[in-house]
Amino acid sequence: MEVIIQPDYSEMSRLAARMVVEVLNTKPNAVLGMATGSTPLGLYQELVRLYKAGEVDFSRVTTFNLDEYVGLPTNHPQSYHYFMRENFFNHVNIQPQNINIPSGTTDNYPAFCEWYEQRIEECGGIDLQILGIGSDGHIAFNEPTSSLSSRTRLKTLAKQTIDDNARFFERREDVPVYAITMGVGTILDARKIILLAGGTSKASAIASMVEGPVTSMVTASALQLHSDTKVIVDEDAASELQMREYYEFIYRAKPAAPTG
């Protein structure tokens, strides 16, 4: 796990976008795992800008989203289908048939979850997974006490998650109680992972994930077991890290990439 501290949200988003572009330049038909929420918005905006500038091509890319609320139709303004269309998919040249997002309205969730896992496998696995982190240290909707070997499944949301997401709905009672989500085990299968976090509200979760024990109480801590994870944070999100000087030293001391 490499921790990269950036001065602010904009720099964090730009660095993450460059990493995504690097993957696509190496493998134009890469499989990307996508996250939703306010944290990756800057990343998606930067990728759209780079696409419009002719610096990246999404025509051969396949995507898999992490999760979706149960009960929200795809056209609901708070559904993750809607979020991805409005903030990314409608602005780049990704092929609609290559977009995969969990269904919040299927009539058979166990069968759908099994299909989703099979579909990821059929596409060769996820090359790069983008993640955010919840204030309690969860990734996707893998709430505290989730199995660290879990696969895509139906999950009951924790009170903290419902409280955190209530700002996106008119009333707290409108926040769905269930979600369909990739499991921690599914996420760990990705070849590369980028986790983004910004703001003081994420500082405790980042410290627990990076420097605490691997525990199901902080499902993001399972990323300590992954061989190629980049944790990109702004100054505020890094504020509770005990070893931040060491992380900054490592990042500065990395050898420059060869040229020519």
C-alpha atoms as a PDB file:
ATOM      1  CA  MET A   1       0.000   0.000   0.000  1.00  0.00           C
ATOM      2  CA  GLU A   2       1.468   3.338  -1.088  1.00  0.00           C
ATOM      3  CA  VAL A   3       0.142   6.507   0.568  1.00  0.00           C
ATOM      4  CA  ILE A   4       0.370   9.620  -1.608  1.00  0.00           C
ATOM      5  CA  ILE A   5      -0.449  12.953   0.027  1.00  0.00           C
ATOM      6  CA  GLN A   6      -1.484  15.795  -2.255  1.00  0.00           C
ATOM      7  CA  PRO A   7      -1.960  19.473  -1.314  1.00  0.00           C
ATOM      8  CA  ASP A   8      -5.672  19.577  -2.084  1.00  0.00           C
ATOM      9  CA  TYR A   9      -8.647  17.838  -3.699  1.00  0.00           C
ATOM     10  CA  SER A  10      -7.863  19.143  -7.188  1.00  0.00           C
ATOM     11  CA  GLU A  11      -4.297  17.815  -7.181  1.00  0.00           C
ATOM     12  CA  MET A  12      -5.502  14.518  -5.742  1.00  0.00           C
ATOM     13  CA  SER A  13      -8.046  14.159  -8.559  1.00  0.00           C
ATOM     14  CA  ARG A  14      -5.556  15.084 -11.277  1.00  0.00           C
ATOM     15  CA  LEU A  15      -3.008  12.558 -10.052  1.00  0.00           C
ATOM     16  CA  ALA A  16      -5.627   9.804  -9.940  1.00  0.00           C
ATOM     17  CA  ALA A  17      -6.739  10.667 -13.471  1.00  0.00           C
ATOM     18  CA  ARG A  18      -3.164  10.421 -14.748  1.00  0.00           C
ATOM     19  CA  MET A  19      -2.913   6.958 -13.201  1.00  0.00           C
ATOM     20  CA  VAL A  20      -6.102   5.854 -14.948  1.00  0.00           C
ATOM     21  CA  VAL A  21      -4.844   7.207 -18.270  1.00  0.00           C
ATOM     22  CA  GLU A  22      -1.557   5.367 -17.778  1.00  0.00           C
ATOM     23  CA  VAL A  23      -3.453   2.093 -17.402  1.00  0.00           C
ATOM     24  CA  LEU A  24      -5.517   2.789 -20.544  1.00  0.00           C
ATOM     25  CA  ASN A  25      -2.460   3.775 -22.563  1.00  0.00           C
ATOM     26  CA  THR A  26      -0.907   0.433 -21.642  1.00  0.00           C
ATOM     27  CA  LYS A  27      -4.122  -1.569 -22.117  1.00  0.00           C
ATOM     28  CA  PRO A  28      -6.794   0.240 -24.194  1.00  0.00           C
ATOM     29  CA  ASN A  29      -9.365  -2.491 -23.491  1.00  0.00           C
ATOM     30  CA  ALA A  30      -8.852  -2.382 -19.727  1.00  0.00           C
ATOM     31  CA  VAL A  31     -11.615  -3.250 -17.269  1.00  0.00           C
ATOM     32  CA  LEU A  32     -12.241  -0.425 -14.809  1.00  0.00           C
ATOM     33  CA  GLY A  33     -14.039  -0.684 -11.480  1.00  0.00           C
ATOM     34  CA  MET A  34     -15.966   2.520 -10.826  1.00  0.00           C
ATOM     35  CA  ALA A  35     -17.012   4.249  -7.607  1.00  0.00           C
ATOM     36  CA  THR A  36     -19.677   6.881  -6.967  1.00  0.00           C
ATOM     37  CA  GLY A  37     -20.117   9.677  -4.452  1.00  0.00           C
ATOM     38  CA  SER A  38     -18.619  13.129  -4.066  1.00  0.00           C
ATOM     39  CA  THR A  39     -14.998  11.956  -3.732  1.00  0.00           C
ATOM     40  CA  PRO A  40     -14.426  10.583  -7.274  1.00  0.00           C
ATOM     41  CA  LEU A  41     -16.269  13.475  -8.968  1.00  0.00           C
ATOM     42  CA  GLY A  42     -13.046  15.418  -9.526  1.00  0.00           C
ATOM     43  CA  LEU A  43     -11.406  12.338 -11.025  1.00  0.00           C
ATOM     44  CA  TYR A  44     -14.268  11.859 -13.474  1.00  0.00           C
ATOM     45  CA  GLN A  45     -14.270  15.544 -14.421  1.00  0.00           C
ATOM     46  CA  GLU A  46     -10.549  15.386 -15.140  1.00  0.00           C
ATOM     47  CA  LEU A  47     -10.952  12.216 -17.217  1.00  0.00           C
ATOM     48  CA  VAL A  48     -13.700  13.929 -19.235  1.00  0.00           C
ATOM     49  CA  ARG A  49     -11.388  16.900 -19.793  1.00  0.00           C
ATOM     50  CA  LEU A  50      -8.552  14.624 -20.931  1.00  0.00           C
ATOM     51  CA  TYR A  51     -10.921  12.754 -23.248  1.00  0.00           C
ATOM     52  CA  LYS A  52     -12.100  15.994 -24.863  1.00  0.00           C
ATOM     53  CA  ALA A  53      -8.462  17.006 -25.269  1.00  0.00           C
ATOM     54  CA  GLY A  54      -7.824  13.774 -27.161  1.00  0.00           C
ATOM     55  CA  GLU A  55      -5.510  12.330 -24.510  1.00  0.00           C
ATOM     56  CA  VAL A  56      -7.517   9.219 -23.620  1.00  0.00           C
ATOM     57  CA  ASP A  57      -9.904   6.861 -25.393  1.00  0.00           C
ATOM     58  CA  PHE A  58     -12.663   4.864 -23.678  1.00  0.00           C
ATOM     59  CA  SER A  59     -14.079   3.119 -26.758  1.00  0.00           C
ATOM     60  CA  ARG A  60     -12.703  -0.306 -25.787  1.00  0.00           C
ATOM     61  CA  VAL A  61     -13.037   0.047 -22.012  1.00  0.00           C
ATOM     62  CA  THR A  62     -15.389  -2.116 -19.924  1.00  0.00           C
ATOM     63  CA  THR A  63     -16.636  -0.856 -16.560  1.00  0.00           C
ATOM     64  CA  PHE A  64     -18.115  -2.407 -13.438  1.00  0.00           C
ATOM     65  CA  ASN A  65     -19.599  -0.230 -10.741  1.00  0.00           C
ATOM     66  CA  LEU A  66     -19.178  -1.148  -7.097  1.00  0.00           C
ATOM     67  CA  ASP A  67     -22.737  -0.843  -5.884  1.00  0.00           C
ATOM     68  CA  GLU A  68     -26.286   0.457  -6.157  1.00  0.00           C
ATOM     69  CA  TYR A  69     -29.119   1.257  -3.788  1.00  0.00           C
ATOM     70  CA  VAL A  70     -31.900  -1.323  -3.631  1.00  0.00           C
ATOM     71  CA  GLY A  71     -35.258   0.018  -4.735  1.00  0.00           C
ATOM     72  CA  LEU A  72     -34.100   2.981  -6.818  1.00  0.00           C
ATOM     73  CA  PRO A  73     -34.878   2.840 -10.553  1.00  0.00           C
ATOM     74  CA  THR A  74     -32.068   3.731 -12.940  1.00  0.00           C
ATOM     75  CA  ASN A  75     -33.572   7.174 -13.649  1.00  0.00           C
ATOM     76  CA  HIS A  76     -33.790   8.166  -9.961  1.00  0.00           C
ATOM     77  CA  PRO A  77     -31.535  11.213  -9.355  1.00  0.00           C
ATOM     78  CA  GLN A  78     -29.844   9.461  -6.415  1.00  0.00           C
ATOM     79  CA  SER A  79     -29.307   6.138  -8.171  1.00  0.00           C
ATOM     80  CA  TYR A  80     -25.744   5.309  -9.101  1.00  0.00           C
ATOM     81  CA  HIS A  81     -26.857   4.572 -12.672  1.00  0.00           C
ATOM     82  CA  TYR A  82     -27.975   8.199 -12.904  1.00  0.00           C
ATOM     83  CA  PHE A  83     -24.794   9.478 -11.202  1.00  0.00           C
ATOM     84  CA  MET A  84     -22.502   7.668 -13.616  1.00  0.00           C
ATOM     85  CA  ARG A  85     -24.421   8.771 -16.700  1.00  0.00           C
ATOM     86  CA  GLU A  86     -24.574  12.413 -15.659  1.00  0.00           C
ATOM     87  CA  ASN A  87     -21.016  12.718 -14.404  1.00  0.00           C
ATOM     88  CA  PHE A  88     -19.057  10.442 -16.713  1.00  0.00           C
ATOM     89  CA  PHE A  89     -20.591   8.039 -19.217  1.00  0.00           C
ATOM     90  CA  ASN A  90     -22.547  10.681 -21.169  1.00  0.00           C
ATOM     91  CA  HIS A  91     -19.361  12.709 -21.700  1.00  0.00           C
ATOM     92  CA  VAL A  92     -16.925  10.102 -23.061  1.00  0.00           C
ATOM     93  CA  ASN A  93     -16.961   7.528 -25.873  1.00  0.00           C
ATOM     94  CA  ILE A  94     -17.575   4.423 -23.773  1.00  0.00           C
ATOM     95  CA  GLN A  95     -19.807   1.851 -25.447  1.00  0.00           C
ATOM     96  CA  PRO A  96     -23.150   1.349 -23.619  1.00  0.00           C
ATOM     97  CA  GLN A  97     -22.875  -2.447 -23.892  1.00  0.00           C
ATOM     98  CA  ASN A  98     -19.592  -2.298 -21.964  1.00  0.00           C
ATOM     99  CA  ILE A  99     -21.138  -0.592 -18.912  1.00  0.00           C
ATOM    100  CA  ASN A 100     -22.064  -2.810 -15.962  1.00  0.00           C
ATOM    101  CA  ILE A 101     -23.815  -1.446 -12.844  1.00  0.00           C
ATOM    102  CA  PRO A 102     -25.575  -3.523 -10.183  1.00  0.00           C
ATOM    103  CA  SER A 103     -29.355  -3.542 -10.494  1.00  0.00           C
ATOM    104  CA  GLY A 104     -31.332  -2.051  -7.640  1.00  0.00           C
ATOM    105  CA  THR A 105     -34.621  -3.356  -9.012  1.00  0.00           C
ATOM    106  CA  THR A 106     -33.949  -6.957 -10.009  1.00  0.00           C
ATOM    107  CA  ASP A 107     -36.538  -9.507  -8.871  1.00  0.00           C
ATOM    108  CA  ASN A 108     -33.849 -12.065  -7.983  1.00  0.00           C
ATOM    109  CA  TYR A 109     -30.903 -10.572  -6.111  1.00  0.00           C
ATOM    110  CA  PRO A 110     -28.981 -13.804  -5.408  1.00  0.00           C
ATOM    111  CA  ALA A 111     -29.082 -14.751  -9.097  1.00  0.00           C
ATOM    112  CA  PHE A 112     -28.064 -11.250 -10.158  1.00  0.00           C
ATOM    113  CA  CYS A 113     -25.131 -11.184  -7.715  1.00  0.00           C
ATOM    114  CA  GLU A 114     -23.907 -14.520  -9.039  1.00  0.00           C
ATOM    115  CA  TRP A 115     -24.220 -13.251 -12.617  1.00  0.00           C
ATOM    116  CA  TYR A 116     -22.299 -10.065 -11.762  1.00  0.00           C
ATOM    117  CA  GLU A 117     -19.384 -12.058 -10.384  1.00  0.00           C
ATOM    118  CA  GLN A 118     -19.413 -14.303 -13.459  1.00  0.00           C
ATOM    119  CA  ARG A 119     -19.543 -11.296 -15.769  1.00  0.00           C
ATOM    120  CA  ILE A 120     -16.447  -9.777 -14.140  1.00  0.00           C
ATOM    121  CA  GLU A 121     -14.641 -13.084 -14.607  1.00  0.00           C
ATOM    122  CA  GLU A 122     -15.760 -13.370 -18.240  1.00  0.00           C
ATOM    123  CA  CYS A 123     -14.279  -9.938 -18.935  1.00  0.00           C
ATOM    124  CA  GLY A 124     -10.910 -11.023 -17.551  1.00  0.00           C
ATOM    125  CA  GLY A 125     -11.180  -9.442 -14.105  1.00  0.00           C
ATOM    126  CA  ILE A 126     -10.845  -5.815 -13.061  1.00  0.00           C
ATOM    127  CA  ASP A 127      -7.580  -4.167 -14.065  1.00  0.00           C
ATOM    128  CA  LEU A 128      -8.018  -1.006 -11.996  1.00  0.00           C
ATOM    129  CA  GLN A 129     -10.541  -0.466  -9.207  1.00  0.00           C
ATOM    130  CA  ILE A 130     -11.368   3.061  -8.048  1.00  0.00           C
ATOM    131  CA  LEU A 131     -12.537   3.373  -4.443  1.00  0.00           C
ATOM    132  CA  GLY A 132     -13.684   5.935  -1.928  1.00  0.00           C
ATOM    133  CA  ILE A 133     -13.960   5.277   1.795  1.00  0.00           C
ATOM    134  CA  GLY A 134     -16.788   5.737   4.272  1.00  0.00           C
ATOM    135  CA  SER A 135     -16.332   7.719   7.472  1.00  0.00           C
ATOM    136  CA  ASP A 136     -16.358   4.410   9.371  1.00  0.00           C
ATOM    137  CA  GLY A 137     -13.736   2.889   7.065  1.00  0.00           C
ATOM    138  CA  HIS A 138     -15.992   0.864   4.773  1.00  0.00           C
ATOM    139  CA  ILE A 139     -15.354   0.328   1.058  1.00  0.00           C
ATOM    140  CA  ALA A 140     -18.248   0.006  -1.406  1.00  0.00           C
ATOM    141  CA  PHE A 141     -21.152  -0.895   0.901  1.00  0.00           C
ATOM    142  CA  ASN A 142     -19.127  -3.424   2.891  1.00  0.00           C
ATOM    143  CA  GLU A 143     -20.166  -2.160   6.292  1.00  0.00           C
ATOM    144  CA  PRO A 144     -18.271  -2.899   9.528  1.00  0.00           C
ATOM    145  CA  THR A 145     -18.214  -6.659  10.328  1.00  0.00           C
ATOM    146  CA  SER A 146     -18.488  -7.587   6.631  1.00  0.00           C
ATOM    147  CA  SER A 147     -16.488 -10.658   5.700  1.00  0.00           C
ATOM    148  CA  LEU A 148     -13.134  -9.790   4.171  1.00  0.00           C
ATOM    149  CA  SER A 149     -13.653 -12.620   1.672  1.00  0.00           C
ATOM    150  CA  SER A 150     -17.187 -11.514   0.709  1.00  0.00           C
ATOM    151  CA  ARG A 151     -18.438 -11.420  -2.871  1.00  0.00           C
ATOM    152  CA  THR A 152     -21.172  -9.381  -4.576  1.00  0.00           C
ATOM    153  CA  ARG A 153     -24.304  -9.566  -2.441  1.00  0.00           C
ATOM    154  CA  LEU A 154     -27.213  -7.745  -0.819  1.00  0.00           C
ATOM    155  CA  LYS A 155     -26.156  -5.704   2.226  1.00  0.00           C
ATOM    156  CA  THR A 156     -28.041  -3.861   4.967  1.00  0.00           C
ATOM    157  CA  LEU A 157     -26.655  -0.345   5.419  1.00  0.00           C
ATOM    158  CA  ALA A 158     -25.299   0.785   8.777  1.00  0.00           C
ATOM    159  CA  LYS A 159     -26.809   3.761  10.601  1.00  0.00           C
ATOM    160  CA  GLN A 160     -23.601   5.759  10.037  1.00  0.00           C
ATOM    161  CA  THR A 161     -23.820   5.219   6.271  1.00  0.00           C
ATOM    162  CA  ILE A 162     -27.498   6.183   6.201  1.00  0.00           C
ATOM    163  CA  ASP A 163     -26.726   9.324   8.224  1.00  0.00           C
ATOM    164  CA  ASP A 164     -23.786  10.223   5.951  1.00  0.00           C
ATOM    165  CA  ASN A 165     -25.845   9.777   2.774  1.00  0.00           C
ATOM    166  CA  ALA A 166     -28.962  11.544   4.057  1.00  0.00           C
ATOM    167  CA  ARG A 167     -27.659  14.853   2.683  1.00  0.00           C
ATOM    168  CA  PHE A 168     -28.320  13.584  -0.841  1.00  0.00           C
ATOM    169  CA  PHE A 169     -32.014  12.918  -0.151  1.00  0.00           C
ATOM    170  CA  GLU A 170     -34.889  15.208   0.797  1.00  0.00           C
ATOM    171  CA  ARG A 171     -35.483  13.309   4.033  1.00  0.00           C
ATOM    172  CA  ARG A 172     -33.405  10.829   6.006  1.00  0.00           C
ATOM    173  CA  GLU A 173     -36.317   8.375   5.732  1.00  0.00           C
ATOM    174  CA  ASP A 174     -35.843   8.380   1.960  1.00  0.00           C
ATOM    175  CA  VAL A 175     -32.360   6.844   2.161  1.00  0.00           C
ATOM    176  CA  PRO A 176     -32.559   3.173   1.121  1.00  0.00           C
ATOM    177  CA  VAL A 177     -31.777   0.663   3.858  1.00  0.00           C
ATOM    178  CA  TYR A 178     -30.319  -1.963   1.496  1.00  0.00           C
ATOM    179  CA  ALA A 179     -27.761  -1.961  -1.281  1.00  0.00           C
ATOM    180  CA  ILE A 180     -26.259  -4.438  -3.688  1.00  0.00           C
ATOM    181  CA  THR A 181     -22.477  -4.281  -3.496  1.00  0.00           C
ATOM    182  CA  MET A 182     -19.277  -5.906  -4.637  1.00  0.00           C
ATOM    183  CA  GLY A 183     -17.692  -7.783  -1.736  1.00  0.00           C
ATOM    184  CA  VAL A 184     -14.313  -7.121  -0.168  1.00  0.00           C
ATOM    185  CA  GLY A 185     -13.011 -10.298  -1.790  1.00  0.00           C
ATOM    186  CA  THR A 186     -14.241  -9.099  -5.189  1.00  0.00           C
ATOM    187  CA  ILE A 187     -12.433  -5.781  -4.719  1.00  0.00           C
ATOM    188  CA  LEU A 188      -9.208  -7.471  -3.634  1.00  0.00           C
ATOM    189  CA  ASP A 189      -9.207  -9.464  -6.876  1.00  0.00           C
ATOM    190  CA  ALA A 190      -8.552  -6.258  -8.862  1.00  0.00           C
ATOM    191  CA  ARG A 191      -5.014  -6.035 -10.232  1.00  0.00           C
ATOM    192  CA  LYS A 192      -4.580  -2.391  -9.223  1.00  0.00           C
ATOM    193  CA  ILE A 193      -6.545  -0.259  -6.748  1.00  0.00           C
ATOM    194  CA  ILE A 194      -6.727   3.510  -6.270  1.00  0.00           C
ATOM    195  CA  LEU A 195      -8.475   4.725  -3.127  1.00  0.00           C
ATOM    196  CA  LEU A 196      -9.284   8.434  -2.860  1.00  0.00           C
ATOM    197  CA  ALA A 197     -10.154  10.420   0.254  1.00  0.00           C
ATOM    198  CA  GLY A 198     -10.437  14.112   0.992  1.00  0.00           C
ATOM    199  CA  GLY A 199     -11.380  16.222   3.999  1.00  0.00           C
ATOM    200  CA  THR A 200     -11.071  15.935   7.756  1.00  0.00           C
ATOM    201  CA  SER A 201     -14.210  13.762   7.953  1.00  0.00           C
ATOM    202  CA  LYS A 202     -12.183  10.939   6.371  1.00  0.00           C
ATOM    203  CA  ALA A 203      -8.998  11.415   8.413  1.00  0.00           C
ATOM    204  CA  SER A 204      -9.832   8.875  11.117  1.00  0.00           C
ATOM    205  CA  ALA A 205     -10.914   6.258   8.562  1.00  0.00           C
ATOM    206  CA  ILE A 206      -7.715   6.722   6.557  1.00  0.00           C
ATOM    207  CA  ALA A 207      -5.540   6.365   9.661  1.00  0.00           C
ATOM    208  CA  SER A 208      -7.387   3.203  10.698  1.00  0.00           C
ATOM    209  CA  MET A 209      -7.189   1.740   7.206  1.00  0.00           C
ATOM    210  CA  VAL A 210      -3.479   2.415   6.683  1.00  0.00           C
ATOM    211  CA  GLU A 211      -1.993   2.138  10.161  1.00  0.00           C
ATOM    212  CA  GLY A 212      -4.490   0.069  12.117  1.00  0.00           C
ATOM    213  CA  PRO A 213      -4.970  -3.683  12.200  1.00  0.00           C
ATOM    214  CA  VAL A 214      -6.624  -5.618   9.390  1.00  0.00           C
ATOM    215  CA  THR A 215     -10.147  -6.039  10.714  1.00  0.00           C
ATOM    216  CA  SER A 216     -13.687  -6.500   9.458  1.00  0.00           C
ATOM    217  CA  MET A 217     -14.643  -3.486  11.594  1.00  0.00           C
ATOM    218  CA  VAL A 218     -12.733  -1.357   9.047  1.00  0.00           C
ATOM    219  CA  THR A 219     -13.220  -3.184   5.778  1.00  0.00           C
ATOM    220  CA  ALA A 220     -10.848  -0.845   3.921  1.00  0.00           C
ATOM    221  CA  SER A 221      -8.031  -2.219   6.105  1.00  0.00           C
ATOM    222  CA  ALA A 222      -8.155  -5.364   3.958  1.00  0.00           C
ATOM    223  CA  LEU A 223      -6.341  -3.310   1.299  1.00  0.00           C
ATOM    224  CA  GLN A 224      -3.188  -3.764   3.397  1.00  0.00           C
ATOM    225  CA  LEU A 225      -3.209  -7.288   1.948  1.00  0.00           C
ATOM    226  CA  HIS A 226      -3.331  -6.082  -1.673  1.00  0.00           C
ATOM    227  CA  SER A 227      -0.100  -5.967  -3.666  1.00  0.00           C
ATOM    228  CA  ASP A 228      -0.765  -2.802  -5.711  1.00  0.00           C
ATOM    229  CA  THR A 229      -2.905  -0.236  -3.899  1.00  0.00           C
ATOM    230  CA  LYS A 230      -2.411   3.536  -4.113  1.00  0.00           C
ATOM    231  CA  VAL A 231      -4.074   5.608  -1.372  1.00  0.00           C
ATOM    232  CA  ILE A 232      -4.311   9.208  -2.604  1.00  0.00           C
ATOM    233  CA  VAL A 233      -5.389  11.742   0.003  1.00  0.00           C
ATOM    234  CA  ASP A 234      -5.384  15.494   0.509  1.00  0.00           C
ATOM    235  CA  GLU A 235      -3.752  17.218   3.481  1.00  0.00           C
ATOM    236  CA  ASP A 236      -6.920  17.132   5.579  1.00  0.00           C
ATOM    237  CA  ALA A 237      -7.543  13.413   5.079  1.00  0.00           C
ATOM    238  CA  ALA A 238      -3.892  12.746   5.952  1.00  0.00           C
ATOM    239  CA  SER A 239      -4.027  14.761   9.184  1.00  0.00           C
ATOM    240  CA  GLU A 240      -4.241  11.751  11.556  1.00  0.00           C
ATOM    241  CA  LEU A 241      -1.544   9.614   9.937  1.00  0.00           C
ATOM    242  CA  GLN A 242       1.292   8.928  12.376  1.00  0.00           C
ATOM    243  CA  MET A 243       3.851   8.112   9.681  1.00  0.00           C
ATOM    244  CA  ARG A 244       3.016  10.776   7.119  1.00  0.00           C
ATOM    245  CA  GLU A 245       6.627  12.025   6.932  1.00  0.00           C
ATOM    246  CA  TYR A 246       7.702   8.528   5.964  1.00  0.00           C
ATOM    247  CA  TYR A 247       5.033   8.280   3.259  1.00  0.00           C
ATOM    248  CA  GLU A 248       6.091  11.659   1.860  1.00  0.00           C
ATOM    249  CA  PHE A 249       9.751  10.586   1.910  1.00  0.00           C
ATOM    250  CA  ILE A 250       8.929   7.393  -0.014  1.00  0.00           C
ATOM    251  CA  TYR A 251       6.965   9.326  -2.646  1.00  0.00           C
ATOM    252  CA  ARG A 252       9.718  11.913  -3.125  1.00  0.00           C
ATOM    253  CA  ALA A 253      12.431   9.262  -3.254  1.00  0.00           C
ATOM    254  CA  LYS A 254      10.824   7.184  -6.009  1.00  0.00           C
ATOM    255  CA  PRO A 255      13.107   6.957  -9.057  1.00  0.00           C
ATOM    256  CA  ALA A 256      11.939   8.899 -12.098  1.00  0.00           C
ATOM    257  CA  ALA A 257      10.371   6.886 -14.899  1.00  0.00           C
ATOM    258  CA  PRO A 258      12.781   6.156 -17.765  1.00  0.00           C
ATOM    259  CA  THR A 259      12.405   8.275 -20.887  1.00  0.00           C
ATOM    260  CA  GLY A 260      13.262   7.722 -24.512  1.00  0.00           C
END
